[in-house]
């Protein structure tokens, strides 16, 4: 049994890795214009820096989780943590854009190792009477990385340079790895059942074909071929999973539970229609408006701060009103924010932009907890862990889709040129991206409203903590028994 001091140290280490995961997206996003200028990176390459990180994490999240459950979560977490730390340091040193992108891929893979084991390790090592507080700290670290990331990275970039964002992040990560080597014991065991290798191969191949296709779409027909191949392999993944005895995702059981399936699709559409906004605005504020990274970071903090402040309120509303109604309202606010963003041009004032970010933060606050409540209450208690893992994966895939769309438009309008070579072309990228985001939010709103099987009662078996939906849920121990998604 671990001592109280060791247990507390482990909680801090796990929280730090959660912070690092979100910080390496939200924080790095604010540095991209400066990185692009110094390294002479094209607009497409800047997009790849972000999407390759999220794509790698998303593609390997479920396969790594399955493998970790069958072998040793602690060792998988340690491997992920040390590789995450080392690649973070290396990103601050390199001066080649292709090498930078390759390192972001490795960092994303390491992030998948961390995200797939974090929550499970926490549950294994913290007594049940203290687990709620520990999870609150862990999830709070996610919010801190999301909300404070742009400001912290913006300040560091303005005062010290963008490379110091990676240098400074490396130090606590490496210290955490050394500490976790002492306090977290590993016990490797050979897998007793077969890993879904074919499912892993098809889903990862599909994601990276889509990313590659989006990157070269503006250069030749090869881009269209790669996008088509990515969609084809993605369809093949569904076929493969239906035939596997132990699939990564049991699509048949999910489809039979209509409440769960609609809620998961709506979650994907929500993130696909909103996640790319901060990426576009971080470039817009610096390239078009001429703000420093520090000033741009302050503006971009508005959305996650509004979300963090209002999520507890919306969580209480979910106790009194229909979660389906709140979810639909959140999607509707997302639609309003993206439609308003379509009108943003070079002359748009910062007050208008801040209004868009406020609406976006409000939309996530209204959507997150109620939709997660619908997901968790649509399954039996033994299926909570698996439902959480699927929710996290839909969230990750939605992020990838959002940035994939942005990368496609950057490839078509800007191509190999630098992002600031023609500001009018970047404004076209923004307009077309926001049109797509609006369509995604509109479809999500329609599906949410039409979901007649959504919860209408105020009597819930399982209530989500206000910020729990934002956590990077692990692939849980429940998968050992592969419970089917029967409606309760």
Protein backbone atom coordinates (compact mmCIF):
# COMPACT_ATOMS: atom_id res chain seq x y z
CA UNK A 1 0.00 0.00 0.00
CA UNK A 2 1.37 3.39 -0.93
CA UNK A 3 2.04 5.97 1.76
CA UNK A 4 -0.11 9.09 1.84
CA UNK A 5 2.84 11.20 0.68
CA UNK A 6 3.53 8.93 -2.31
CA UNK A 7 -0.15 8.84 -3.22
CA UNK A 8 -0.38 12.62 -3.16
CA UNK A 9 2.76 12.89 -5.30
CA UNK A 10 1.24 10.49 -7.82
CA UNK A 11 -1.95 12.58 -8.00
CA UNK A 12 0.12 15.69 -8.75
CA UNK A 13 2.12 13.88 -11.44
CA UNK A 14 -1.04 12.60 -13.13
CA UNK A 15 -2.59 16.07 -13.00
CA UNK A 16 0.54 17.59 -14.51
CA UNK A 17 0.43 15.20 -17.47
CA UNK A 18 -3.22 16.14 -18.04
CA UNK A 19 -2.24 19.82 -18.01
CA UNK A 20 0.62 19.19 -20.46
CA UNK A 21 -1.66 17.45 -22.96
CA UNK A 22 -4.04 20.39 -23.31
CA UNK A 23 -1.27 22.99 -22.96
CA UNK A 24 0.62 21.46 -25.87
CA UNK A 25 -2.41 22.19 -28.06
CA UNK A 26 -3.78 25.47 -26.72
CA UNK A 27 -0.36 26.89 -25.87
CA UNK A 28 1.45 25.83 -29.03
CA UNK A 29 -1.40 27.20 -31.14
CA UNK A 30 -0.62 30.76 -30.05
CA UNK A 31 3.06 30.35 -31.05
CA UNK A 32 2.39 29.13 -34.60
CA UNK A 33 2.62 32.48 -36.43
CA UNK A 34 5.99 33.18 -34.79
CA UNK A 35 7.22 29.65 -35.50
CA UNK A 36 6.07 29.96 -39.10
CA UNK A 37 7.91 33.24 -39.57
CA UNK A 38 11.19 32.03 -38.05
CA UNK A 39 11.23 28.60 -39.69
CA UNK A 40 9.71 29.84 -42.98
CA UNK A 41 6.83 27.37 -42.63
CA UNK A 42 3.97 27.39 -45.10
CA UNK A 43 0.35 27.67 -44.05
CA UNK A 44 -0.19 23.95 -44.62
CA UNK A 45 2.82 23.10 -42.48
CA UNK A 46 1.46 25.22 -39.63
CA UNK A 47 -1.80 23.31 -39.86
CA UNK A 48 0.07 19.99 -39.83
CA UNK A 49 1.90 20.97 -36.64
CA UNK A 50 -1.43 20.90 -34.81
CA UNK A 51 -3.39 18.22 -36.63
CA UNK A 52 -0.59 15.62 -36.64
CA UNK A 53 -0.42 15.89 -32.85
CA UNK A 54 -4.17 15.43 -32.37
CA UNK A 55 -4.36 12.79 -35.12
CA UNK A 56 -1.72 10.59 -33.53
CA UNK A 57 -3.31 10.87 -30.09
CA UNK A 58 -6.77 10.11 -31.48
CA UNK A 59 -5.74 7.20 -33.71
CA UNK A 60 -3.91 5.33 -30.95
CA UNK A 61 -6.03 6.19 -27.88
CA UNK A 62 -8.28 3.10 -27.90
CA UNK A 63 -5.66 0.59 -29.15
CA UNK A 64 -3.15 1.72 -26.51
CA UNK A 65 -5.84 1.56 -23.83
CA UNK A 66 -6.73 -1.99 -24.78
CA UNK A 67 -3.06 -3.01 -24.79
CA UNK A 68 -2.38 -1.30 -21.44
CA UNK A 69 -5.31 -3.07 -19.75
CA UNK A 70 -3.91 -6.42 -20.87
CA UNK A 71 -0.27 -5.73 -19.91
CA UNK A 72 0.72 -2.99 -17.47
CA UNK A 73 -0.80 0.50 -17.31
CA UNK A 74 2.00 1.83 -15.11
CA UNK A 75 4.78 0.91 -17.53
CA UNK A 76 2.83 2.22 -20.53
CA UNK A 77 2.28 5.51 -18.68
CA UNK A 78 5.98 5.82 -17.81
CA UNK A 79 7.03 5.17 -21.41
CA UNK A 80 4.56 7.77 -22.62
CA UNK A 81 5.71 10.32 -20.04
CA UNK A 82 9.44 10.04 -20.83
CA UNK A 83 8.88 10.19 -24.59
CA UNK A 84 6.52 13.14 -24.14
CA UNK A 85 9.14 15.00 -22.11
CA UNK A 86 12.01 14.28 -24.53
CA UNK A 87 10.04 15.22 -27.65
CA UNK A 88 8.91 18.43 -25.93
CA UNK A 89 12.56 19.36 -25.35
CA UNK A 90 13.51 18.40 -28.90
CA UNK A 91 10.75 20.61 -30.34
CA UNK A 92 12.45 23.62 -28.80
CA UNK A 93 15.77 22.76 -30.41
CA UNK A 94 15.00 21.84 -34.02
CA UNK A 95 15.02 24.35 -36.88
CA UNK A 96 13.61 22.14 -39.64
CA UNK A 97 9.87 22.23 -40.27
CA UNK A 98 9.60 18.57 -41.45
CA UNK A 99 11.51 17.41 -38.35
CA UNK A 100 9.26 19.61 -36.18
CA UNK A 101 6.16 17.97 -37.66
CA UNK A 102 7.66 14.48 -37.19
CA UNK A 103 8.37 15.25 -33.54
CA UNK A 104 4.80 16.47 -33.05
CA UNK A 105 3.65 13.08 -34.36
CA UNK A 106 5.84 11.29 -31.79
CA UNK A 107 4.58 13.65 -29.09
CA UNK A 108 0.99 12.82 -30.06
CA UNK A 109 1.73 9.08 -29.85
CA UNK A 110 3.29 9.58 -26.42
CA UNK A 111 0.23 11.62 -25.44
CA UNK A 112 -2.00 8.66 -26.37
CA UNK A 113 0.01 6.45 -23.96
CA UNK A 114 -0.55 8.99 -21.18
CA UNK A 115 -4.24 9.70 -21.86
CA UNK A 116 -5.15 6.03 -22.22
CA UNK A 117 -3.79 5.14 -18.76
CA UNK A 118 -4.06 8.31 -16.65
CA UNK A 119 -7.53 7.91 -15.17
CA UNK A 120 -7.22 4.14 -14.72
CA UNK A 121 -3.98 4.55 -12.72
CA UNK A 122 -5.67 7.20 -10.60
CA UNK A 123 -8.59 4.87 -9.89
CA UNK A 124 -6.24 1.97 -9.05
CA UNK A 125 -4.11 3.92 -6.56
CA UNK A 126 -6.49 6.28 -4.75
CA UNK A 127 -8.98 5.03 -2.12
CA UNK A 128 -12.61 5.37 -3.15
CA UNK A 129 -13.35 7.87 -0.35
CA UNK A 130 -10.69 10.22 -1.76
CA UNK A 131 -11.15 9.50 -5.44
CA UNK A 132 -13.61 12.33 -6.10
CA UNK A 133 -11.20 14.98 -4.88
CA UNK A 134 -8.31 13.42 -6.81
CA UNK A 135 -10.34 13.32 -10.01
CA UNK A 136 -11.41 16.91 -9.45
CA UNK A 137 -7.76 17.96 -9.28
CA UNK A 138 -6.95 15.89 -12.36
CA UNK A 139 -9.81 17.31 -14.40
CA UNK A 140 -9.11 20.82 -13.13
CA UNK A 141 -5.63 20.50 -14.62
CA UNK A 142 -7.25 19.88 -18.01
CA UNK A 143 -9.23 23.11 -17.69
CA UNK A 144 -6.14 25.00 -16.54
CA UNK A 145 -4.16 23.87 -19.58
CA UNK A 146 -7.04 24.76 -21.88
CA UNK A 147 -7.79 28.20 -20.44
CA UNK A 148 -4.37 29.41 -19.29
CA UNK A 149 -2.41 27.82 -22.16
CA UNK A 150 -2.78 30.71 -24.65
CA UNK A 151 -1.91 33.34 -22.05
CA UNK A 152 1.07 31.49 -20.54
CA UNK A 153 2.52 30.48 -23.92
CA UNK A 154 1.79 33.94 -25.34
CA UNK A 155 3.65 35.63 -22.46
CA UNK A 156 6.63 33.26 -22.76
CA UNK A 157 6.77 33.73 -26.54
CA UNK A 158 6.64 37.51 -26.30
CA UNK A 159 9.19 37.80 -23.47
CA UNK A 160 11.58 34.91 -24.13
CA UNK A 161 10.79 33.46 -27.56
CA UNK A 162 8.71 30.49 -28.72
CA UNK A 163 11.41 27.89 -28.01
CA UNK A 164 11.15 28.57 -24.30
CA UNK A 165 7.56 27.32 -24.32
CA UNK A 166 8.99 23.84 -24.92
CA UNK A 167 12.08 24.23 -22.69
CA UNK A 168 10.02 25.30 -19.68
CA UNK A 169 7.40 22.58 -20.23
CA UNK A 170 10.14 19.91 -20.44
CA UNK A 171 11.47 20.55 -16.92
CA UNK A 172 8.39 19.55 -14.84
CA UNK A 173 7.62 16.68 -17.22
CA UNK A 174 11.08 15.17 -16.78
CA UNK A 175 10.97 15.73 -13.02
CA UNK A 176 7.60 13.95 -12.96
CA UNK A 177 9.03 10.99 -14.85
CA UNK A 178 11.88 10.63 -12.35
CA UNK A 179 9.41 10.84 -9.47
CA UNK A 180 6.93 8.39 -10.95
CA UNK A 181 9.75 5.85 -11.42
CA UNK A 182 9.98 5.71 -7.63
CA UNK A 183 6.36 5.93 -6.51
CA UNK A 184 4.54 3.93 -9.22
CA UNK A 185 5.40 0.25 -9.37
CA UNK A 186 5.22 -1.65 -12.66
CA UNK A 187 4.30 -5.28 -13.10
CA UNK A 188 4.33 -6.39 -16.72
CA UNK A 189 2.17 -9.31 -17.78
CA UNK A 190 1.78 -10.99 -21.13
CA UNK A 191 -1.55 -10.41 -22.91
CA UNK A 192 -3.87 -13.38 -22.43
CA UNK A 193 -6.15 -12.47 -25.35
CA UNK A 194 -5.48 -11.24 -28.86
CA UNK A 195 -5.09 -7.52 -29.49
CA UNK A 196 -7.18 -6.03 -32.29
CA UNK A 197 -4.20 -5.40 -34.58
CA UNK A 198 -6.26 -5.16 -37.75
CA UNK A 199 -8.59 -2.56 -36.26
CA UNK A 200 -5.61 -0.56 -35.02
CA UNK A 201 -3.98 -0.68 -38.46
CA UNK A 202 -7.09 0.42 -40.34
CA UNK A 203 -8.09 3.30 -38.04
CA UNK A 204 -4.54 4.72 -37.88
CA UNK A 205 -4.06 4.34 -41.64
CA UNK A 206 -7.36 6.11 -42.31
CA UNK A 207 -6.49 9.08 -40.06
CA UNK A 208 -3.06 9.62 -41.57
CA UNK A 209 -4.22 9.21 -45.17
CA UNK A 210 -6.79 11.95 -44.51
CA UNK A 211 -4.15 14.19 -42.96
CA UNK A 212 -1.72 13.59 -45.85
CA UNK A 213 -4.45 14.23 -48.40
CA UNK A 214 -5.47 17.51 -46.77
CA UNK A 215 -1.86 18.69 -46.80
CA UNK A 216 -1.30 18.24 -50.56
CA UNK A 217 -4.81 18.94 -51.81
CA UNK A 218 -3.82 22.24 -53.39
CA UNK A 219 -0.78 20.82 -55.19
CA UNK A 220 -2.08 17.96 -57.32
CA UNK A 221 -4.77 15.32 -57.75
CA UNK A 222 -2.77 13.17 -55.33
CA UNK A 223 -4.47 15.01 -52.49
CA UNK A 224 -7.94 13.96 -53.69
CA UNK A 225 -6.68 10.38 -54.11
CA UNK A 226 -5.31 10.28 -50.56
CA UNK A 227 -8.51 11.77 -49.11
CA UNK A 228 -10.58 9.20 -50.98
CA UNK A 229 -8.30 6.40 -49.82
CA UNK A 230 -8.57 7.64 -46.23
CA UNK A 231 -12.37 7.58 -46.39
CA UNK A 232 -12.30 4.12 -47.97
CA UNK A 233 -10.01 2.71 -45.28
CA UNK A 234 -12.18 4.42 -42.66
CA UNK A 235 -15.19 2.54 -44.04
CA UNK A 236 -13.13 -0.65 -43.98
CA UNK A 237 -12.52 -0.09 -40.26
CA UNK A 238 -16.27 -0.45 -39.61
CA UNK A 239 -16.35 -3.70 -41.60
CA UNK A 240 -13.31 -5.08 -39.77
CA UNK A 241 -14.70 -4.24 -36.33
CA UNK A 242 -17.96 -6.08 -37.06
CA UNK A 243 -16.01 -9.27 -37.75
CA UNK A 244 -13.64 -9.15 -34.76
CA UNK A 245 -14.41 -11.21 -31.66
CA UNK A 246 -12.77 -8.53 -29.49
CA UNK A 247 -13.09 -5.25 -31.42
CA UNK A 248 -11.84 -1.86 -30.34
CA UNK A 249 -15.42 -0.57 -30.68
CA UNK A 250 -18.54 -2.74 -30.66
CA UNK A 251 -20.52 -0.79 -33.27
CA UNK A 252 -23.43 -3.24 -33.28
CA UNK A 253 -24.16 -2.74 -29.59
CA UNK A 254 -23.78 1.03 -29.91
CA UNK A 255 -26.18 1.16 -32.85
CA UNK A 256 -28.78 -0.83 -30.89
CA UNK A 257 -28.67 1.80 -28.13
CA UNK A 258 -30.12 4.78 -30.01
CA UNK A 259 -29.75 7.25 -27.14
CA UNK A 260 -26.04 6.51 -26.81
CA UNK A 261 -25.33 6.47 -30.54
CA UNK A 262 -27.01 9.84 -31.17
CA UNK A 263 -25.25 11.44 -28.18
CA UNK A 264 -21.86 10.22 -29.44
CA UNK A 265 -22.50 11.48 -32.97
CA UNK A 266 -23.66 14.83 -31.61
CA UNK A 267 -20.48 15.06 -29.54
CA UNK A 268 -18.34 14.46 -32.62
CA UNK A 269 -20.26 17.12 -34.58
CA UNK A 270 -19.97 19.65 -31.77
CA UNK A 271 -16.18 19.41 -31.63
CA UNK A 272 -15.86 19.17 -35.41
CA UNK A 273 -17.79 22.43 -35.68
CA UNK A 274 -16.04 24.42 -32.96
CA UNK A 275 -12.57 23.19 -32.14
CA UNK A 276 -10.78 24.83 -35.07
CA UNK A 277 -12.01 28.29 -34.07
CA UNK A 278 -9.16 28.97 -31.63
CA UNK A 279 -6.56 27.82 -34.18
CA UNK A 280 -7.91 30.23 -36.81
CA UNK A 281 -8.33 33.13 -34.40
CA UNK A 282 -4.80 32.72 -32.98
CA UNK A 283 -3.39 33.26 -36.48
CA UNK A 284 -5.94 35.98 -37.33
CA UNK A 285 -5.13 38.05 -34.25
CA UNK A 286 -1.39 38.01 -34.94
CA UNK A 287 -1.22 38.04 -38.75
CA UNK A 288 -4.24 40.21 -39.59
CA UNK A 289 -4.58 42.34 -36.44
CA UNK A 290 -0.88 42.57 -35.61
CA UNK A 291 -1.23 41.58 -31.94
CA UNK A 292 1.66 40.11 -29.99
CA UNK A 293 1.35 36.45 -28.90
CA UNK A 294 0.80 37.68 -25.34
CA UNK A 295 -2.07 39.97 -26.34
CA UNK A 296 -3.61 37.33 -28.61
CA UNK A 297 -3.44 34.82 -25.75
CA UNK A 298 -5.42 37.15 -23.50
CA UNK A 299 -8.19 37.41 -26.10
CA UNK A 300 -8.34 33.65 -26.71
CA UNK A 301 -8.68 32.97 -22.97
CA UNK A 302 -12.22 34.37 -23.09
CA UNK A 303 -13.89 31.23 -24.43
CA UNK A 304 -12.41 28.63 -22.01
CA UNK A 305 -12.81 31.03 -19.04
CA UNK A 306 -16.51 31.51 -19.84
CA UNK A 307 -16.82 27.75 -20.20
CA UNK A 308 -15.09 27.07 -16.86
CA UNK A 309 -17.18 29.68 -15.01
CA UNK A 310 -20.55 28.60 -16.42
CA UNK A 311 -20.08 24.82 -16.53
CA UNK A 312 -20.98 24.37 -12.83
CA UNK A 313 -24.14 26.43 -13.37
CA UNK A 314 -25.09 24.39 -16.42
CA UNK A 315 -24.38 21.21 -14.46
CA UNK A 316 -26.96 22.28 -11.88
CA UNK A 317 -29.43 23.14 -14.63
CA UNK A 318 -29.06 19.58 -15.91
CA UNK A 319 -30.45 18.43 -12.54
CA UNK A 320 -33.63 20.44 -13.06
CA UNK A 321 -34.24 20.49 -16.80
CA UNK A 322 -34.00 18.05 -19.68
CA UNK A 323 -30.34 17.37 -20.60
CA UNK A 324 -31.46 17.01 -24.21
CA UNK A 325 -32.85 20.53 -24.17
CA UNK A 326 -29.60 21.95 -22.74
CA UNK A 327 -27.49 19.96 -25.22
CA UNK A 328 -29.57 21.27 -28.12
CA UNK A 329 -29.30 24.81 -26.75
CA UNK A 330 -25.52 24.46 -26.54
CA UNK A 331 -25.35 23.34 -30.17
CA UNK A 332 -27.59 26.24 -31.16
CA UNK A 333 -25.24 28.71 -29.44
CA UNK A 334 -22.33 27.08 -31.26
CA UNK A 335 -24.22 27.63 -34.53
CA UNK A 336 -24.74 31.29 -33.64
CA UNK A 337 -21.04 31.78 -32.84
CA UNK A 338 -19.81 30.15 -36.08
CA UNK A 339 -22.34 32.05 -38.21
CA UNK A 340 -21.19 35.27 -36.58
CA UNK A 341 -17.56 34.27 -37.26
CA UNK A 342 -18.29 33.93 -40.99
CA UNK A 343 -18.60 37.73 -41.10
CA UNK A 344 -15.16 38.33 -39.58
CA UNK A 345 -12.83 40.20 -41.96
CA UNK A 346 -9.79 42.44 -41.76
CA UNK A 347 -11.79 45.37 -40.39
CA UNK A 348 -13.69 43.49 -37.69
CA UNK A 349 -13.25 45.01 -34.23
CA UNK A 350 -11.94 43.07 -31.25
CA UNK A 351 -15.20 43.59 -29.35
CA UNK A 352 -17.09 41.65 -32.05
CA UNK A 353 -14.46 38.90 -31.93
CA UNK A 354 -14.73 38.71 -28.15
CA UNK A 355 -18.49 38.34 -28.52
CA UNK A 356 -17.99 35.34 -30.80
CA UNK A 357 -15.66 33.76 -28.22
CA UNK A 358 -18.15 34.40 -25.40
CA UNK A 359 -20.89 32.62 -27.36
CA UNK A 360 -18.55 29.73 -28.07
CA UNK A 361 -17.64 29.37 -24.40
CA UNK A 362 -21.32 29.47 -23.46
CA UNK A 363 -22.12 26.83 -26.07
CA UNK A 364 -19.57 24.39 -24.61
CA UNK A 365 -20.75 25.10 -21.06
CA UNK A 366 -24.35 24.31 -22.03
CA UNK A 367 -23.41 21.26 -24.09
CA UNK A 368 -20.69 19.41 -22.21
CA UNK A 369 -22.17 18.22 -18.91
CA UNK A 370 -25.74 17.57 -20.16
CA UNK A 371 -24.58 15.54 -23.18
CA UNK A 372 -22.23 13.51 -20.98
CA UNK A 373 -25.14 12.93 -18.60
CA UNK A 374 -27.18 11.53 -21.52
CA UNK A 375 -24.28 9.25 -22.52
CA UNK A 376 -23.71 7.87 -19.02
CA UNK A 377 -27.41 7.42 -18.21
CA UNK A 378 -28.00 5.55 -21.47
CA UNK A 379 -25.94 2.55 -20.29
CA UNK A 380 -25.75 0.23 -17.31
CA UNK A 381 -23.35 0.97 -14.43
CA UNK A 382 -20.86 -1.69 -15.54
CA UNK A 383 -20.59 0.11 -18.89
CA UNK A 384 -19.73 3.58 -17.50
CA UNK A 385 -16.01 3.25 -18.16
CA UNK A 386 -16.42 2.09 -21.72
CA UNK A 387 -18.96 4.84 -22.44
CA UNK A 388 -16.52 7.43 -21.06
CA UNK A 389 -13.72 6.10 -23.26
CA UNK A 390 -15.92 6.26 -26.36
CA UNK A 391 -16.97 9.78 -25.45
CA UNK A 392 -13.32 10.82 -25.19
CA UNK A 393 -12.57 9.23 -28.56
CA UNK A 394 -15.50 11.00 -30.27
CA UNK A 395 -14.22 14.24 -28.80
CA UNK A 396 -10.71 13.56 -30.15
CA UNK A 397 -12.01 12.58 -33.59
CA UNK A 398 -14.12 15.74 -33.69
CA UNK A 399 -11.01 17.82 -33.00
CA UNK A 400 -9.15 16.04 -35.80
CA UNK A 401 -12.02 16.59 -38.25
CA UNK A 402 -12.17 20.29 -37.35
CA UNK A 403 -8.47 20.85 -38.00
CA UNK A 404 -8.59 18.57 -41.05
CA UNK A 405 -11.14 20.90 -42.64
CA UNK A 406 -8.99 23.95 -41.84
CA UNK A 407 -5.92 22.24 -43.32
CA UNK A 408 -7.82 21.39 -46.51
CA UNK A 409 -8.82 25.03 -47.04
CA UNK A 410 -5.30 26.25 -46.22
CA UNK A 411 -3.96 23.80 -48.81
CA UNK A 412 -6.45 25.02 -51.43
CA UNK A 413 -6.08 28.77 -50.83
CA UNK A 414 -2.55 29.23 -49.49
CA UNK A 415 -0.71 26.04 -50.41
CA UNK A 416 3.06 26.21 -50.03
CA UNK A 417 3.09 29.96 -49.33
CA UNK A 418 3.58 31.41 -45.85
CA UNK A 419 0.46 32.24 -43.92
CA UNK A 420 1.16 36.00 -43.98
CA UNK A 421 2.07 36.20 -47.68
CA UNK A 422 -1.50 37.13 -48.65
CA UNK A 423 -3.83 38.00 -45.72
CA UNK A 424 -6.88 38.02 -48.01
CA UNK A 425 -6.38 34.32 -48.78
CA UNK A 426 -6.24 33.49 -45.08
CA UNK A 427 -9.51 35.37 -44.61
CA UNK A 428 -10.98 33.09 -47.31
CA UNK A 429 -9.73 30.08 -45.34
CA UNK A 430 -11.50 31.42 -42.26
CA UNK A 431 -14.77 32.12 -44.07
CA UNK A 432 -15.01 28.69 -45.72
CA UNK A 433 -13.98 26.93 -42.51
CA UNK A 434 -16.64 28.74 -40.49
CA UNK A 435 -19.27 27.85 -43.09
CA UNK A 436 -18.37 24.17 -42.63
CA UNK A 437 -18.41 24.58 -38.84
CA UNK A 438 -21.88 26.14 -39.07
CA UNK A 439 -23.17 23.21 -41.14
CA UNK A 440 -21.74 20.76 -38.60
CA UNK A 441 -23.40 22.64 -35.71
CA UNK A 442 -26.69 22.78 -37.63
CA UNK A 443 -26.72 19.02 -38.25
CA UNK A 444 -25.82 18.40 -34.60
CA UNK A 445 -28.64 20.66 -33.40
CA UNK A 446 -31.13 18.89 -35.68
CA UNK A 447 -30.06 15.42 -34.47
CA UNK A 448 -30.16 16.48 -30.83
CA UNK A 449 -33.67 17.93 -31.12
CA UNK A 450 -34.92 14.89 -33.06
CA UNK A 451 -33.48 12.45 -30.51
CA UNK A 452 -36.81 11.37 -29.04
CA UNK A 453 -35.12 8.76 -26.88
CA UNK A 454 -33.07 11.41 -25.06
CA UNK A 455 -33.55 11.75 -21.32
CA UNK A 456 -36.58 13.78 -20.30
CA UNK A 457 -36.76 12.85 -16.64
CA UNK A 458 -35.01 14.74 -13.88
CA UNK A 459 -34.27 11.47 -12.06
CA UNK A 460 -30.76 10.48 -13.06
CA UNK A 461 -28.78 7.53 -11.79
CA UNK A 462 -25.45 9.14 -12.61
CA UNK A 463 -24.62 12.82 -12.49
CA UNK A 464 -21.54 14.22 -14.19
CA UNK A 465 -19.26 16.59 -12.34
CA UNK A 466 -19.40 19.98 -14.12
CA UNK A 467 -16.00 19.57 -15.74
CA UNK A 468 -15.83 15.79 -16.09
CA UNK A 469 -16.76 15.83 -19.76
CA UNK A 470 -13.53 17.64 -20.61
CA UNK A 471 -11.27 15.01 -19.06
CA UNK A 472 -9.24 12.66 -21.20
CA UNK A 473 -10.95 9.50 -20.02
CA UNK A 474 -8.88 6.35 -20.09
CA UNK A 475 -9.67 3.04 -21.71
CA UNK A 476 -11.06 1.35 -18.62
CA UNK A 477 -10.77 -1.99 -16.88
CA UNK A 478 -14.41 -2.71 -17.81
CA UNK A 479 -13.19 -3.60 -21.29
CA UNK A 480 -11.87 -6.88 -19.98
CA UNK A 481 -15.46 -8.11 -19.86
CA UNK A 482 -16.58 -6.26 -23.01
CA UNK A 483 -20.11 -5.46 -21.71
CA UNK A 484 -22.61 -4.79 -24.47
CA UNK A 485 -24.37 -1.46 -24.65
CA UNK A 486 -27.86 -2.51 -23.64
CA UNK A 487 -30.24 0.29 -22.79
CA UNK A 488 -30.97 0.26 -19.03
